[in-house]
Amino acid sequence: MASRGFVLFNNGARMPSIGLGTFQVTKDSIQTVVDYALDIGYRHIDTARSYGNEADIGKVLDKNLCAGTLKRNDLFVTTKVPRDCLGEKDTERSVRESLDFLQLNYLDLVLIHAPWGQEPPLPDKTTEEQKRPAQESFVHYDLLTTWHVLENLVRKGLIHSIGLSNFTQRQIERIWQNAKIKPANLQLECHAYLQQLALRSYCQQRGIVVTGYSPLGAPDRPEKYRNLDDLHLLSDPVVQDIAEQLGRAPAQILLRFLLQIGVVPVPKSTQPRRIAENLQVFDFSLRQDQMSQLQALNRNMKFFRFEQFQNHPEYFENEEF
């Protein structure tokens, strides 16, 4: 269970128990968002190569570090190796480029973003927006090789902790059994409608911290991930009722719920009021009856189904990820 402020990794590292998600936060707002979040107390920034915003985040981090308003060990920065950089040479290149874009000399946490490999980007692009092949095709990379590259980068001091994202239990176990440096973190979609009971239990047994993306139900997710029958988590009557009982925003109820079941949420917003609101979840607790009501909302409902990867050999439709 997340303690106030931090969770402890199985390698002894500490990660702030709530982070700022940055998926879909791009050039028009990313610097303002990150600068404001750091100013009000966020210390955990979650990004990825595929988000296309590392360079802008790096400008804000560098500004704060150079000004002395933050020290490097105050910050926890997570990024992810994209699906098209899972080959041995591309994995190391991706991490080194992330370090350059973020203007850091080490990364606190690097995750393999997903197991569904694709063709690598073309090599003649030097900006953050990597050039993709005209038609992307699936590649079945050996994920153990990818993992061993990350282990080597830990030994070199470029990364402090490594982990996985969107992996099934079977895929995690293969890494676990063959790893010299064990996965410290698993990031996956997790919220009141998708509580990931089996994977959370598995991770708890191995001391793997779980980070939950889309903790508020991803209300502004891309159109390709929307379905007419999707429910709106923030508007759920149970969530609304508990929020009214406690005089809190529905988002705060959903984030507090995840904290109390031991999940680190990384909510995303571009609105200053909501960014601040999402951090104000440590001065109250949910009662057991309220927790039970929220636990009863679980319906294994994914907002990100990644159906475009159904034909990939690492996509297991009937396994949780």
C-alpha atoms as a PDB file:
ATOM      1  CA  MET A   1       0.000   0.000   0.000  1.00  0.00           C
ATOM      2  CA  ALA A   2       1.276   3.453  -0.888  1.00  0.00           C
ATOM      3  CA  SER A   3       2.508   5.388   2.091  1.00  0.00           C
ATOM      4  CA  ARG A   4       2.041   9.111   2.185  1.00  0.00           C
ATOM      5  CA  GLY A   5       4.360  10.544  -0.413  1.00  0.00           C
ATOM      6  CA  PHE A   6       6.423   7.588  -1.669  1.00  0.00           C
ATOM      7  CA  VAL A   7       6.383   3.914  -2.582  1.00  0.00           C
ATOM      8  CA  LEU A   8       9.442   1.696  -2.214  1.00  0.00           C
ATOM      9  CA  PHE A   9      10.811  -0.344  -5.117  1.00  0.00           C
ATOM     10  CA  ASN A  10      12.289  -3.823  -4.661  1.00  0.00           C
ATOM     11  CA  ASN A  11      15.743  -2.323  -5.333  1.00  0.00           C
ATOM     12  CA  GLY A  12      15.374   0.249  -2.537  1.00  0.00           C
ATOM     13  CA  ALA A  13      14.574   3.233  -4.777  1.00  0.00           C
ATOM     14  CA  ARG A  14      11.670   5.513  -3.856  1.00  0.00           C
ATOM     15  CA  MET A  15       9.027   6.747  -6.299  1.00  0.00           C
ATOM     16  CA  PRO A  16       6.550   9.517  -5.430  1.00  0.00           C
ATOM     17  CA  SER A  17       3.155   7.876  -4.993  1.00  0.00           C
ATOM     18  CA  ILE A  18       1.413  10.140  -7.485  1.00  0.00           C
ATOM     19  CA  GLY A  19       2.780  11.395 -10.786  1.00  0.00           C
ATOM     20  CA  LEU A  20       1.978  13.798 -13.576  1.00  0.00           C
ATOM     21  CA  GLY A  21       0.893  11.959 -16.717  1.00  0.00           C
ATOM     22  CA  THR A  22       1.868  13.640 -19.996  1.00  0.00           C
ATOM     23  CA  PHE A  23       0.282  11.452 -22.705  1.00  0.00           C
ATOM     24  CA  GLN A  24      -1.291  13.751 -25.355  1.00  0.00           C
ATOM     25  CA  VAL A  25       0.206  16.848 -23.696  1.00  0.00           C
ATOM     26  CA  THR A  26       2.238  18.343 -26.525  1.00  0.00           C
ATOM     27  CA  LYS A  27       4.025  21.486 -27.653  1.00  0.00           C
ATOM     28  CA  ASP A  28       1.226  24.008 -27.184  1.00  0.00           C
ATOM     29  CA  SER A  29       0.932  23.312 -23.443  1.00  0.00           C
ATOM     30  CA  ILE A  30       3.508  20.827 -22.156  1.00  0.00           C
ATOM     31  CA  GLN A  31       6.051  23.347 -20.834  1.00  0.00           C
ATOM     32  CA  THR A  32       3.374  25.369 -19.028  1.00  0.00           C
ATOM     33  CA  VAL A  33       1.827  22.226 -17.553  1.00  0.00           C
ATOM     34  CA  VAL A  34       5.093  20.734 -16.273  1.00  0.00           C
ATOM     35  CA  ASP A  35       6.364  24.066 -14.936  1.00  0.00           C
ATOM     36  CA  TYR A  36       3.131  24.630 -13.018  1.00  0.00           C
ATOM     37  CA  ALA A  37       3.062  21.049 -11.710  1.00  0.00           C
ATOM     38  CA  LEU A  38       6.624  21.304 -10.392  1.00  0.00           C
ATOM     39  CA  ASP A  39       5.822  24.668  -8.808  1.00  0.00           C
ATOM     40  CA  ILE A  40       2.910  23.248  -6.789  1.00  0.00           C
ATOM     41  CA  GLY A  41       4.712  20.128  -5.621  1.00  0.00           C
ATOM     42  CA  TYR A  42       4.700  17.373  -8.240  1.00  0.00           C
ATOM     43  CA  ARG A  43       8.020  15.548  -8.277  1.00  0.00           C
ATOM     44  CA  HIS A  44       7.139  12.529 -10.428  1.00  0.00           C
ATOM     45  CA  ILE A  45       6.898  13.132 -14.185  1.00  0.00           C
ATOM     46  CA  ASP A  46       5.758  10.291 -16.450  1.00  0.00           C
ATOM     47  CA  THR A  47       6.568  10.528 -20.153  1.00  0.00           C
ATOM     48  CA  ALA A  48       7.605   8.300 -23.082  1.00  0.00           C
ATOM     49  CA  ARG A  49       9.548   8.566 -26.316  1.00  0.00           C
ATOM     50  CA  SER A  50       6.331   7.979 -28.243  1.00  0.00           C
ATOM     51  CA  TYR A  51       4.597  10.963 -26.590  1.00  0.00           C
ATOM     52  CA  GLY A  52       6.852  13.338 -28.521  1.00  0.00           C
ATOM     53  CA  ASN A  53       7.247  15.716 -25.575  1.00  0.00           C
ATOM     54  CA  GLU A  54      10.525  14.732 -23.899  1.00  0.00           C
ATOM     55  CA  ALA A  55      12.451  17.704 -25.337  1.00  0.00           C
ATOM     56  CA  ASP A  56       9.923  20.223 -24.027  1.00  0.00           C
ATOM     57  CA  ILE A  57       9.852  18.544 -20.623  1.00  0.00           C
ATOM     58  CA  GLY A  58      13.648  18.644 -20.634  1.00  0.00           C
ATOM     59  CA  LYS A  59      13.636  22.412 -21.136  1.00  0.00           C
ATOM     60  CA  VAL A  60      11.484  22.862 -18.030  1.00  0.00           C
ATOM     61  CA  LEU A  61      13.556  20.447 -15.942  1.00  0.00           C
ATOM     62  CA  ASP A  62      16.786  22.121 -16.991  1.00  0.00           C
ATOM     63  CA  LYS A  63      15.399  25.577 -16.217  1.00  0.00           C
ATOM     64  CA  ASN A  64      14.401  24.534 -12.705  1.00  0.00           C
ATOM     65  CA  LEU A  65      17.615  22.644 -12.018  1.00  0.00           C
ATOM     66  CA  CYS A  66      19.812  25.478 -13.271  1.00  0.00           C
ATOM     67  CA  ALA A  67      17.850  28.032 -11.224  1.00  0.00           C
ATOM     68  CA  GLY A  68      18.311  25.912  -8.112  1.00  0.00           C
ATOM     69  CA  THR A  69      14.568  25.709  -7.419  1.00  0.00           C
ATOM     70  CA  LEU A  70      14.896  21.918  -7.620  1.00  0.00           C
ATOM     71  CA  LYS A  71      17.689  19.428  -7.027  1.00  0.00           C
ATOM     72  CA  ARG A  72      18.048  16.386  -9.273  1.00  0.00           C
ATOM     73  CA  ASN A  73      17.346  13.975  -6.415  1.00  0.00           C
ATOM     74  CA  ASP A  74      14.058  15.807  -5.783  1.00  0.00           C
ATOM     75  CA  LEU A  75      12.797  14.593  -9.151  1.00  0.00           C
ATOM     76  CA  PHE A  76      11.588  11.214 -10.371  1.00  0.00           C
ATOM     77  CA  VAL A  77      11.416  10.978 -14.160  1.00  0.00           C
ATOM     78  CA  THR A  78       9.980   7.962 -15.981  1.00  0.00           C
ATOM     79  CA  THR A  79      10.232   7.363 -19.705  1.00  0.00           C
ATOM     80  CA  LYS A  80       9.607   4.371 -21.949  1.00  0.00           C
ATOM     81  CA  VAL A  81      11.305   2.550 -24.814  1.00  0.00           C
ATOM     82  CA  PRO A  82       8.839   2.562 -27.736  1.00  0.00           C
ATOM     83  CA  ARG A  83       7.604  -0.470 -29.666  1.00  0.00           C
ATOM     84  CA  ASP A  84       9.850   0.294 -32.641  1.00  0.00           C
ATOM     85  CA  CYS A  85      13.047   0.462 -30.552  1.00  0.00           C
ATOM     86  CA  LEU A  86      12.994  -2.978 -28.939  1.00  0.00           C
ATOM     87  CA  GLY A  87      15.949  -4.280 -30.949  1.00  0.00           C
ATOM     88  CA  GLU A  88      19.283  -4.500 -29.132  1.00  0.00           C
ATOM     89  CA  LYS A  89      20.948  -1.431 -30.672  1.00  0.00           C
ATOM     90  CA  ASP A  90      17.733   0.597 -30.921  1.00  0.00           C
ATOM     91  CA  THR A  91      16.936   0.126 -27.214  1.00  0.00           C
ATOM     92  CA  GLU A  92      20.192   1.698 -26.070  1.00  0.00           C
ATOM     93  CA  ARG A  93      19.887   4.451 -28.668  1.00  0.00           C
ATOM     94  CA  SER A  94      16.350   5.231 -27.505  1.00  0.00           C
ATOM     95  CA  VAL A  95      17.433   5.565 -23.867  1.00  0.00           C
ATOM     96  CA  ARG A  96      20.416   7.755 -24.723  1.00  0.00           C
ATOM     97  CA  GLU A  97      18.239   9.995 -26.887  1.00  0.00           C
ATOM     98  CA  SER A  98      15.708  10.278 -24.044  1.00  0.00           C
ATOM     99  CA  LEU A  99      18.530  11.397 -21.748  1.00  0.00           C
ATOM    100  CA  ASP A 100      19.533  14.045 -24.303  1.00  0.00           C
ATOM    101  CA  PHE A 101      15.975  15.292 -24.832  1.00  0.00           C
ATOM    102  CA  LEU A 102      15.245  15.406 -21.091  1.00  0.00           C
ATOM    103  CA  GLN A 103      18.656  17.031 -20.413  1.00  0.00           C
ATOM    104  CA  LEU A 104      19.402  14.561 -17.617  1.00  0.00           C
ATOM    105  CA  ASN A 105      22.452  12.459 -16.805  1.00  0.00           C
ATOM    106  CA  TYR A 106      20.355   9.542 -15.545  1.00  0.00           C
ATOM    107  CA  LEU A 107      16.751   8.367 -15.695  1.00  0.00           C
ATOM    108  CA  ASP A 108      14.955   7.273 -12.552  1.00  0.00           C
ATOM    109  CA  LEU A 109      12.834   4.658 -14.329  1.00  0.00           C
ATOM    110  CA  VAL A 110      12.731   3.260 -17.850  1.00  0.00           C
ATOM    111  CA  LEU A 111       9.962   0.904 -18.957  1.00  0.00           C
ATOM    112  CA  ILE A 112       9.522  -1.244 -22.041  1.00  0.00           C
ATOM    113  CA  HIS A 113       6.401   0.554 -23.267  1.00  0.00           C
ATOM    114  CA  ALA A 114       4.705  -2.521 -24.742  1.00  0.00           C
ATOM    115  CA  PRO A 115       5.695  -6.010 -25.921  1.00  0.00           C
ATOM    116  CA  TRP A 116       4.244  -5.597 -29.427  1.00  0.00           C
ATOM    117  CA  GLY A 117       7.292  -4.767 -31.510  1.00  0.00           C
ATOM    118  CA  GLN A 118       7.220  -2.830 -34.765  1.00  0.00           C
ATOM    119  CA  GLU A 119       9.701  -1.887 -37.476  1.00  0.00           C
ATOM    120  CA  PRO A 120      12.346   0.570 -36.195  1.00  0.00           C
ATOM    121  CA  PRO A 121      12.274   4.217 -37.303  1.00  0.00           C
ATOM    122  CA  LEU A 122      14.347   5.244 -40.281  1.00  0.00           C
ATOM    123  CA  PRO A 123      17.889   6.228 -39.230  1.00  0.00           C
ATOM    124  CA  ASP A 124      18.133   9.608 -40.985  1.00  0.00           C
ATOM    125  CA  LYS A 125      15.991  11.538 -38.501  1.00  0.00           C
ATOM    126  CA  THR A 126      17.714  13.454 -35.722  1.00  0.00           C
ATOM    127  CA  THR A 127      14.788  15.293 -34.146  1.00  0.00           C
ATOM    128  CA  GLU A 128      12.455  13.919 -31.502  1.00  0.00           C
ATOM    129  CA  GLU A 129       9.759  13.255 -34.102  1.00  0.00           C
ATOM    130  CA  GLN A 130      11.145  10.014 -35.483  1.00  0.00           C
ATOM    131  CA  LYS A 131      10.438   9.145 -39.104  1.00  0.00           C
ATOM    132  CA  ARG A 132       8.300   6.002 -39.377  1.00  0.00           C
ATOM    133  CA  PRO A 133       8.299   3.550 -42.265  1.00  0.00           C
ATOM    134  CA  ALA A 134       5.522   4.200 -44.771  1.00  0.00           C
ATOM    135  CA  GLN A 135       3.753   1.058 -43.599  1.00  0.00           C
ATOM    136  CA  GLU A 136       4.531  -0.109 -40.079  1.00  0.00           C
ATOM    137  CA  SER A 137       4.787  -3.860 -39.696  1.00  0.00           C
ATOM    138  CA  PHE A 138       4.979  -6.107 -36.664  1.00  0.00           C
ATOM    139  CA  VAL A 139       8.296  -7.470 -35.455  1.00  0.00           C
ATOM    140  CA  HIS A 140       8.624 -10.240 -32.862  1.00  0.00           C
ATOM    141  CA  TYR A 141      11.589  -9.045 -30.812  1.00  0.00           C
ATOM    142  CA  ASP A 142      13.167 -11.178 -28.118  1.00  0.00           C
ATOM    143  CA  LEU A 143      12.063  -9.158 -25.085  1.00  0.00           C
ATOM    144  CA  LEU A 144      14.739 -10.797 -22.942  1.00  0.00           C
ATOM    145  CA  THR A 145      17.365  -9.208 -25.164  1.00  0.00           C
ATOM    146  CA  THR A 146      15.646  -5.846 -24.750  1.00  0.00           C
ATOM    147  CA  TRP A 147      15.626  -6.362 -20.989  1.00  0.00           C
ATOM    148  CA  HIS A 148      19.309  -7.272 -20.857  1.00  0.00           C
ATOM    149  CA  VAL A 149      20.147  -4.014 -22.672  1.00  0.00           C
ATOM    150  CA  LEU A 150      18.291  -2.093 -19.968  1.00  0.00           C
ATOM    151  CA  GLU A 151      20.115  -4.056 -17.267  1.00  0.00           C
ATOM    152  CA  ASN A 152      23.425  -3.055 -18.823  1.00  0.00           C
ATOM    153  CA  LEU A 153      22.357   0.610 -18.838  1.00  0.00           C
ATOM    154  CA  VAL A 154      21.570   0.299 -15.122  1.00  0.00           C
ATOM    155  CA  ARG A 155      25.088  -1.012 -14.544  1.00  0.00           C
ATOM    156  CA  LYS A 156      26.452   1.983 -16.464  1.00  0.00           C
ATOM    157  CA  GLY A 157      24.521   4.349 -14.197  1.00  0.00           C
ATOM    158  CA  LEU A 158      22.297   5.761 -16.937  1.00  0.00           C
ATOM    159  CA  ILE A 159      19.133   4.284 -15.389  1.00  0.00           C
ATOM    160  CA  HIS A 160      18.322   3.687 -11.732  1.00  0.00           C
ATOM    161  CA  SER A 161      15.302   1.344 -12.094  1.00  0.00           C
ATOM    162  CA  ILE A 162      13.708  -0.630 -14.927  1.00  0.00           C
ATOM    163  CA  GLY A 163      10.271  -2.073 -15.507  1.00  0.00           C
ATOM    164  CA  LEU A 164       7.513  -3.016 -17.921  1.00  0.00           C
ATOM    165  CA  SER A 165       4.272  -1.630 -19.309  1.00  0.00           C
ATOM    166  CA  ASN A 166       1.263  -3.382 -20.876  1.00  0.00           C
ATOM    167  CA  PHE A 167       2.783  -6.830 -20.229  1.00  0.00           C
ATOM    168  CA  THR A 168       0.796  -9.932 -19.308  1.00  0.00           C
ATOM    169  CA  GLN A 169       1.662 -12.095 -16.315  1.00  0.00           C
ATOM    170  CA  ARG A 170       3.225 -14.705 -18.588  1.00  0.00           C
ATOM    171  CA  GLN A 171       5.453 -12.093 -20.233  1.00  0.00           C
ATOM    172  CA  ILE A 172       6.456 -10.578 -16.885  1.00  0.00           C
ATOM    173  CA  GLU A 173       7.270 -13.998 -15.452  1.00  0.00           C
ATOM    174  CA  ARG A 174       9.585 -14.803 -18.370  1.00  0.00           C
ATOM    175  CA  ILE A 175      11.500 -11.582 -17.705  1.00  0.00           C
ATOM    176  CA  TRP A 176      11.486 -12.215 -13.941  1.00  0.00           C
ATOM    177  CA  GLN A 177      12.885 -15.733 -14.232  1.00  0.00           C
ATOM    178  CA  ASN A 178      15.716 -14.670 -16.536  1.00  0.00           C
ATOM    179  CA  ALA A 179      16.549 -11.223 -15.149  1.00  0.00           C
ATOM    180  CA  LYS A 180      19.646 -10.348 -13.139  1.00  0.00           C
ATOM    181  CA  ILE A 181      17.964  -7.031 -12.283  1.00  0.00           C
ATOM    182  CA  LYS A 182      14.317  -7.717 -11.473  1.00  0.00           C
ATOM    183  CA  PRO A 183      11.494  -5.503 -12.770  1.00  0.00           C
ATOM    184  CA  ALA A 184      10.728  -2.808 -10.187  1.00  0.00           C
ATOM    185  CA  ASN A 185       7.560  -1.435 -11.762  1.00  0.00           C
ATOM    186  CA  LEU A 186       4.648  -2.445 -13.965  1.00  0.00           C
ATOM    187  CA  GLN A 187       2.606   0.292 -15.602  1.00  0.00           C
ATOM    188  CA  LEU A 188      -0.805  -0.600 -16.944  1.00  0.00           C
ATOM    189  CA  GLU A 189      -4.320   0.781 -17.321  1.00  0.00           C
ATOM    190  CA  CYS A 190      -5.906   0.733 -13.876  1.00  0.00           C
ATOM    191  CA  HIS A 191      -8.961   2.475 -12.455  1.00  0.00           C
ATOM    192  CA  ALA A 192     -12.193   1.669 -10.615  1.00  0.00           C
ATOM    193  CA  TYR A 193     -13.684   0.001 -13.710  1.00  0.00           C
ATOM    194  CA  LEU A 194     -10.470  -2.006 -14.346  1.00  0.00           C
ATOM    195  CA  GLN A 195      -8.893  -2.941 -11.019  1.00  0.00           C
ATOM    196  CA  GLN A 196      -6.430  -5.507 -12.395  1.00  0.00           C
ATOM    197  CA  LEU A 197      -6.878  -7.880  -9.448  1.00  0.00           C
ATOM    198  CA  ALA A 198      -4.828 -10.782 -10.813  1.00  0.00           C
ATOM    199  CA  LEU A 199      -1.888  -8.705 -12.022  1.00  0.00           C
ATOM    200  CA  ARG A 200      -1.808  -6.627  -8.844  1.00  0.00           C
ATOM    201  CA  SER A 201      -1.735  -9.795  -6.746  1.00  0.00           C
ATOM    202  CA  TYR A 202       1.047 -11.230  -8.898  1.00  0.00           C
ATOM    203  CA  CYS A 203       3.102  -8.022  -8.603  1.00  0.00           C
ATOM    204  CA  GLN A 204       2.539  -7.778  -4.862  1.00  0.00           C
ATOM    205  CA  GLN A 205       3.997 -11.263  -4.409  1.00  0.00           C
ATOM    206  CA  ARG A 206       7.159 -10.186  -6.223  1.00  0.00           C
ATOM    207  CA  GLY A 207       7.516  -6.694  -4.809  1.00  0.00           C
ATOM    208  CA  ILE A 208       6.762  -5.039  -8.147  1.00  0.00           C
ATOM    209  CA  VAL A 209       5.124  -1.621  -7.726  1.00  0.00           C
ATOM    210  CA  VAL A 210       2.078  -1.053  -9.962  1.00  0.00           C
ATOM    211  CA  THR A 211       1.539   2.297 -11.676  1.00  0.00           C
ATOM    212  CA  GLY A 212      -1.915   2.983 -13.080  1.00  0.00           C
ATOM    213  CA  TYR A 213      -2.383   5.032 -16.230  1.00  0.00           C
ATOM    214  CA  SER A 214      -5.789   6.451 -17.174  1.00  0.00           C
ATOM    215  CA  PRO A 215      -6.772   6.497 -13.459  1.00  0.00           C
ATOM    216  CA  LEU A 216      -9.727   8.776 -14.247  1.00  0.00           C
ATOM    217  CA  GLY A 217     -11.022   6.706 -17.159  1.00  0.00           C
ATOM    218  CA  ALA A 218      -9.219   8.583 -19.966  1.00  0.00           C
ATOM    219  CA  PRO A 219     -12.139  10.889 -20.832  1.00  0.00           C
ATOM    220  CA  ASP A 220     -10.152  12.632 -23.600  1.00  0.00           C
ATOM    221  CA  ARG A 221      -8.484   9.547 -25.109  1.00  0.00           C
ATOM    222  CA  PRO A 222      -7.955   9.467 -28.897  1.00  0.00           C
ATOM    223  CA  GLU A 223     -10.958   8.728 -31.077  1.00  0.00           C
ATOM    224  CA  LYS A 224      -9.565   5.355 -32.203  1.00  0.00           C
ATOM    225  CA  TYR A 225      -9.917   4.093 -28.614  1.00  0.00           C
ATOM    226  CA  ARG A 226     -13.549   5.215 -28.202  1.00  0.00           C
ATOM    227  CA  ASN A 227     -16.604   2.980 -28.411  1.00  0.00           C
ATOM    228  CA  LEU A 228     -20.247   3.979 -28.246  1.00  0.00           C
ATOM    229  CA  ASP A 229     -20.875   1.672 -25.289  1.00  0.00           C
ATOM    230  CA  ASP A 230     -18.028   3.077 -23.159  1.00  0.00           C
ATOM    231  CA  LEU A 231     -19.047   4.341 -19.731  1.00  0.00           C
ATOM    232  CA  HIS A 232     -17.851   7.628 -18.232  1.00  0.00           C
ATOM    233  CA  LEU A 233     -16.044   6.835 -14.986  1.00  0.00           C
ATOM    234  CA  LEU A 234     -15.999  10.368 -13.562  1.00  0.00           C
ATOM    235  CA  SER A 235     -19.798  10.520 -13.916  1.00  0.00           C
ATOM    236  CA  ASP A 236     -20.478   7.177 -12.249  1.00  0.00           C
ATOM    237  CA  PRO A 237     -23.246   7.644  -9.621  1.00  0.00           C
ATOM    238  CA  VAL A 238     -21.217   5.822  -6.929  1.00  0.00           C
ATOM    239  CA  VAL A 239     -18.189   8.058  -7.518  1.00  0.00           C
ATOM    240  CA  GLN A 240     -20.393  11.153  -7.572  1.00  0.00           C
ATOM    241  CA  ASP A 241     -22.148  10.158  -4.349  1.00  0.00           C
ATOM    242  CA  ILE A 242     -18.924   9.520  -2.423  1.00  0.00           C
ATOM    243  CA  ALA A 243     -17.488  12.797  -3.726  1.00  0.00           C
ATOM    244  CA  GLU A 244     -20.552  14.626  -2.413  1.00  0.00           C
ATOM    245  CA  GLN A 245     -20.317  12.875   0.964  1.00  0.00           C
ATOM    246  CA  LEU A 246     -16.701  13.986   1.411  1.00  0.00           C
ATOM    247  CA  GLY A 247     -16.893  17.383  -0.274  1.00  0.00           C
ATOM    248  CA  ARG A 248     -14.309  16.313  -2.828  1.00  0.00           C
ATOM    249  CA  ALA A 249     -14.064  16.211  -6.621  1.00  0.00           C
ATOM    250  CA  PRO A 250     -14.862  12.872  -8.312  1.00  0.00           C
ATOM    251  CA  ALA A 251     -11.275  12.751  -9.642  1.00  0.00           C
ATOM    252  CA  GLN A 252      -9.924  12.954  -6.095  1.00  0.00           C
ATOM    253  CA  ILE A 253     -12.108  10.014  -5.041  1.00  0.00           C
ATOM    254  CA  LEU A 254     -10.804   7.875  -7.906  1.00  0.00           C
ATOM    255  CA  LEU A 255      -7.176   8.774  -7.210  1.00  0.00           C
ATOM    256  CA  ARG A 256      -7.526   8.196  -3.476  1.00  0.00           C
ATOM    257  CA  PHE A 257      -9.090   4.802  -4.200  1.00  0.00           C
ATOM    258  CA  LEU A 258      -6.031   3.737  -6.208  1.00  0.00           C
ATOM    259  CA  LEU A 259      -3.656   4.966  -3.520  1.00  0.00           C
ATOM    260  CA  GLN A 260      -5.496   2.928  -0.892  1.00  0.00           C
ATOM    261  CA  ILE A 261      -5.267  -0.278  -2.958  1.00  0.00           C
ATOM    262  CA  GLY A 262      -1.534   0.297  -3.473  1.00  0.00           C
ATOM    263  CA  VAL A 263      -1.481   1.667  -7.031  1.00  0.00           C
ATOM    264  CA  VAL A 264       0.526   4.751  -8.052  1.00  0.00           C
ATOM    265  CA  PRO A 265      -1.741   6.890 -10.286  1.00  0.00           C
ATOM    266  CA  VAL A 266      -0.371   9.182 -12.999  1.00  0.00           C
ATOM    267  CA  PRO A 267      -3.313  11.471 -13.851  1.00  0.00           C
ATOM    268  CA  LYS A 268      -3.043  13.857 -16.758  1.00  0.00           C
ATOM    269  CA  SER A 269      -4.602  17.304 -17.124  1.00  0.00           C
ATOM    270  CA  THR A 270      -3.771  20.595 -18.803  1.00  0.00           C
ATOM    271  CA  GLN A 271      -6.042  22.646 -16.520  1.00  0.00           C
ATOM    272  CA  PRO A 272      -4.238  24.283 -13.550  1.00  0.00           C
ATOM    273  CA  ARG A 273      -7.177  23.778 -11.183  1.00  0.00           C
ATOM    274  CA  ARG A 274      -7.375  20.081 -11.972  1.00  0.00           C
ATOM    275  CA  ILE A 275      -3.600  19.575 -11.876  1.00  0.00           C
ATOM    276  CA  ALA A 276      -3.625  21.008  -8.340  1.00  0.00           C
ATOM    277  CA  GLU A 277      -6.763  19.080  -7.362  1.00  0.00           C
ATOM    278  CA  ASN A 278      -5.205  15.788  -8.451  1.00  0.00           C
ATOM    279  CA  LEU A 279      -2.332  16.296  -6.015  1.00  0.00           C
ATOM    280  CA  GLN A 280      -4.602  17.083  -3.065  1.00  0.00           C
ATOM    281  CA  VAL A 281      -5.406  13.488  -2.153  1.00  0.00           C
ATOM    282  CA  PHE A 282      -3.241  12.912   0.919  1.00  0.00           C
ATOM    283  CA  ASP A 283      -5.315  14.826   3.484  1.00  0.00           C
ATOM    284  CA  PHE A 284      -8.307  12.471   3.529  1.00  0.00           C
ATOM    285  CA  SER A 285      -9.103   8.753   3.402  1.00  0.00           C
ATOM    286  CA  LEU A 286     -11.966   6.672   2.107  1.00  0.00           C
ATOM    287  CA  ARG A 287     -13.905   4.683   4.692  1.00  0.00           C
ATOM    288  CA  GLN A 288     -14.139   0.922   4.328  1.00  0.00           C
ATOM    289  CA  ASP A 289     -17.775   1.108   3.183  1.00  0.00           C
ATOM    290  CA  GLN A 290     -16.783   3.632   0.503  1.00  0.00           C
ATOM    291  CA  MET A 291     -13.874   1.441  -0.565  1.00  0.00           C
ATOM    292  CA  SER A 292     -16.245  -1.523  -0.855  1.00  0.00           C
ATOM    293  CA  GLN A 293     -18.609   0.480  -3.045  1.00  0.00           C
ATOM    294  CA  LEU A 294     -15.773   1.455  -5.357  1.00  0.00           C
ATOM    295  CA  GLN A 295     -14.354  -2.074  -5.445  1.00  0.00           C
ATOM    296  CA  ALA A 296     -17.798  -3.262  -6.561  1.00  0.00           C
ATOM    297  CA  LEU A 297     -17.500  -1.067  -9.680  1.00  0.00           C
ATOM    298  CA  ASN A 298     -14.857  -3.390 -11.166  1.00  0.00           C
ATOM    299  CA  ARG A 299     -16.060  -4.676 -14.532  1.00  0.00           C
ATOM    300  CA  ASN A 300     -12.719  -5.357 -16.284  1.00  0.00           C
ATOM    301  CA  MET A 301     -13.496  -2.497 -18.684  1.00  0.00           C
ATOM    302  CA  LYS A 302     -10.531  -1.351 -20.765  1.00  0.00           C
ATOM    303  CA  PHE A 303     -10.554   2.060 -22.393  1.00  0.00           C
ATOM    304  CA  PHE A 304      -7.316   1.217 -24.267  1.00  0.00           C
ATOM    305  CA  ARG A 305      -7.835  -2.150 -25.942  1.00  0.00           C
ATOM    306  CA  PHE A 306      -4.926  -1.922 -28.417  1.00  0.00           C
ATOM    307  CA  GLU A 307      -6.910  -3.995 -30.887  1.00  0.00           C
ATOM    308  CA  GLN A 308      -4.586  -2.917 -33.705  1.00  0.00           C
ATOM    309  CA  PHE A 309      -2.033  -5.369 -32.281  1.00  0.00           C
ATOM    310  CA  GLN A 310      -4.318  -8.414 -32.151  1.00  0.00           C
ATOM    311  CA  ASN A 311      -2.306 -10.236 -34.813  1.00  0.00           C
ATOM    312  CA  HIS A 312       1.030  -9.658 -33.125  1.00  0.00           C
ATOM    313  CA  PRO A 313       2.562 -12.868 -31.691  1.00  0.00           C
ATOM    314  CA  GLU A 314       2.987 -11.144 -28.275  1.00  0.00           C
ATOM    315  CA  TYR A 315      -0.696 -10.109 -28.092  1.00  0.00           C
ATOM    316  CA  PHE A 316      -2.693 -12.475 -25.879  1.00  0.00           C
ATOM    317  CA  GLU A 317      -6.312 -11.407 -26.061  1.00  0.00           C
ATOM    318  CA  ASN A 318      -7.475 -13.537 -23.148  1.00  0.00           C
ATOM    319  CA  GLU A 319      -4.747 -12.469 -20.729  1.00  0.00           C
ATOM    320  CA  GLU A 320      -4.839  -9.323 -18.619  1.00  0.00           C
ATOM    321  CA  PHE A 321      -2.364  -6.548 -19.325  1.00  0.00           C
END
